[in-house]
Amino acid sequence: MQKAKDFFDVMTCQHNILLIEDDARIASWISQKLNKLDNVGSLRWTSTLAESLEALDSQLPDIIILDLTLPDGNGTDVLKKIRNENLPVRVLVFSMNAGMRGVCRRLGAHAFFDKADEGEQLIRYVSMRNTE
């Protein structure tokens, strides 16, 4: 199901974000940073592949922040679903597996951030994006 943007969201350029991350500490850090941004309308956190796919079916976000290593599968399955269904969502991969950067880009990821040292860059990227 594709989410229809309402007038207020478009006028204020607020993002609805789905955070897919199985590490609660990392999810908490990202959530705290994102909740301080003016352009974040809502933030939903899922920690498994199954929850993430269900969340995509129930309400399409504007942005997904995607970890690749999940307890019940691989985040690339989310990228494949988005590509196969041609869903209008911007995916930002946030992973320790920098070797997957090219694969993720080929599957449609808009950006890749290395967890080791690019967390602040991820937050800046979101803070500077307008909804499209």
Protein backbone atom coordinates (compact mmCIF):
# COMPACT_ATOMS: atom_id res chain seq x y z
CA MET A 1 0.00 0.00 0.00
CA GLN A 2 1.49 3.35 -1.01
CA LYS A 3 1.17 6.23 1.43
CA ALA A 4 -0.44 9.39 0.09
CA LYS A 5 1.36 12.51 1.26
CA ASP A 6 -0.93 15.02 2.84
CA PHE A 7 -0.66 18.75 2.21
CA PHE A 8 1.03 19.52 5.54
CA ASP A 9 3.83 16.97 5.01
CA VAL A 10 4.59 18.31 1.54
CA MET A 11 4.58 21.94 2.67
CA THR A 12 6.87 21.34 5.63
CA CYS A 13 9.08 18.77 3.85
CA GLN A 14 8.81 16.33 6.71
CA HIS A 15 10.06 12.80 6.19
CA ASN A 16 8.39 9.67 7.41
CA ILE A 17 11.28 7.35 8.18
CA LEU A 18 11.49 3.60 8.67
CA LEU A 19 14.60 2.59 10.61
CA ILE A 20 15.52 -1.07 10.08
CA GLU A 21 18.19 -1.93 12.67
CA ASP A 22 18.57 -4.95 14.95
CA ASP A 23 21.03 -3.34 17.39
CA ALA A 24 19.00 -1.41 19.98
CA ARG A 25 21.95 0.84 20.91
CA ILE A 26 22.46 1.95 17.32
CA ALA A 27 18.72 2.36 16.77
CA SER A 28 18.50 4.50 19.90
CA TRP A 29 21.41 6.70 18.79
CA ILE A 30 19.92 7.21 15.33
CA SER A 31 16.45 7.87 16.77
CA GLN A 32 17.77 10.49 19.20
CA LYS A 33 19.62 12.28 16.39
CA LEU A 34 16.71 12.14 13.93
CA ASN A 35 14.12 13.29 16.48
CA LYS A 36 16.06 16.55 16.84
CA LEU A 37 15.64 17.35 13.12
CA ASP A 38 12.87 19.68 11.94
CA ASN A 39 12.33 17.71 8.75
CA VAL A 40 11.43 14.39 10.42
CA GLY A 41 7.69 13.87 10.73
CA SER A 42 7.58 10.31 12.02
CA LEU A 43 10.06 7.58 12.83
CA ARG A 44 9.25 3.88 13.02
CA TRP A 45 11.79 1.28 14.14
CA THR A 46 11.79 -2.38 13.16
CA SER A 47 14.46 -4.89 14.09
CA THR A 48 13.77 -7.87 11.82
CA LEU A 49 13.33 -8.49 8.11
CA ALA A 50 9.78 -9.79 8.67
CA GLU A 51 8.73 -6.68 10.63
CA SER A 52 10.33 -4.47 7.98
CA LEU A 53 8.50 -6.08 5.08
CA GLU A 54 5.24 -5.85 7.01
CA ALA A 55 5.90 -2.16 7.75
CA LEU A 56 6.50 -1.53 4.04
CA ASP A 57 3.17 -3.15 3.21
CA SER A 58 1.24 -1.16 5.82
CA GLN A 59 2.62 2.36 5.28
CA LEU A 60 5.26 3.36 2.78
CA PRO A 61 7.88 5.68 4.29
CA ASP A 62 9.74 8.44 2.45
CA ILE A 63 13.13 7.23 3.69
CA ILE A 64 14.40 3.87 4.91
CA ILE A 65 17.60 3.61 6.94
CA LEU A 66 18.60 0.01 6.37
CA ASP A 67 20.95 -2.32 8.19
CA LEU A 68 21.93 -5.31 6.08
CA THR A 69 22.49 -7.92 8.79
CA LEU A 70 19.19 -8.79 10.43
CA PRO A 71 18.44 -11.76 12.69
CA ASP A 72 16.01 -13.35 10.22
CA GLY A 73 17.51 -12.38 6.87
CA ASN A 74 19.39 -9.85 4.80
CA GLY A 75 18.48 -6.21 4.25
CA THR A 76 19.09 -6.66 0.55
CA ASP A 77 15.68 -8.39 0.48
CA VAL A 78 14.15 -5.01 1.37
CA LEU A 79 16.01 -3.40 -1.53
CA LYS A 80 14.79 -6.14 -3.88
CA LYS A 81 11.17 -5.66 -2.78
CA ILE A 82 11.41 -1.91 -3.34
CA ARG A 83 12.97 -2.39 -6.77
CA ASN A 84 10.58 -5.16 -7.85
CA GLU A 85 7.51 -3.19 -6.78
CA ASN A 86 8.94 0.15 -7.99
CA LEU A 87 8.20 1.80 -4.63
CA PRO A 88 9.00 5.52 -4.36
CA VAL A 89 11.21 5.41 -1.27
CA ARG A 90 14.78 6.60 -0.70
CA VAL A 91 16.93 3.87 0.90
CA LEU A 92 20.02 4.76 2.91
CA VAL A 93 22.05 1.69 3.82
CA PHE A 94 23.87 1.90 7.17
CA SER A 95 26.09 -1.15 7.57
CA MET A 96 29.47 -2.42 8.72
CA ASN A 97 29.70 -4.46 5.52
CA ALA A 98 31.28 -1.84 3.22
CA GLY A 99 31.98 -4.60 0.71
CA MET A 100 28.25 -4.59 -0.08
CA ARG A 101 28.26 -0.93 -1.17
CA GLY A 102 28.24 -1.75 -4.91
CA VAL A 103 25.63 -4.48 -4.57
CA CYS A 104 23.33 -2.15 -2.64
CA ARG A 105 23.74 0.62 -5.21
CA ARG A 106 22.90 -1.82 -8.03
CA LEU A 107 19.79 -2.89 -6.09
CA GLY A 108 18.66 0.74 -5.85
CA ALA A 109 20.06 2.14 -2.61
CA HIS A 110 20.43 5.91 -2.83
CA ALA A 111 23.41 6.05 -0.47
CA PHE A 112 25.61 3.79 1.66
CA PHE A 113 27.07 4.81 5.03
CA ASP A 114 29.64 2.75 6.91
CA LYS A 115 28.65 2.22 10.57
CA ALA A 116 32.31 2.37 11.57
CA ASP A 117 32.69 6.08 10.85
CA GLU A 118 29.85 7.60 8.82
CA GLY A 119 26.99 7.88 11.33
CA GLU A 120 27.09 11.66 11.50
CA GLN A 121 27.17 11.82 7.69
CA LEU A 122 23.99 9.74 7.60
CA ILE A 123 22.24 12.18 9.94
CA ARG A 124 23.45 15.18 7.90
CA TYR A 125 22.20 13.53 4.71
CA VAL A 126 18.71 13.13 6.18
CA SER A 127 18.73 16.66 7.58
CA MET A 128 19.44 18.15 4.14
CA ARG A 129 16.91 16.12 2.13
CA ASN A 130 13.60 17.48 0.95
CA THR A 131 10.81 15.03 0.29
CA GLU A 132 10.35 14.36 -3.38
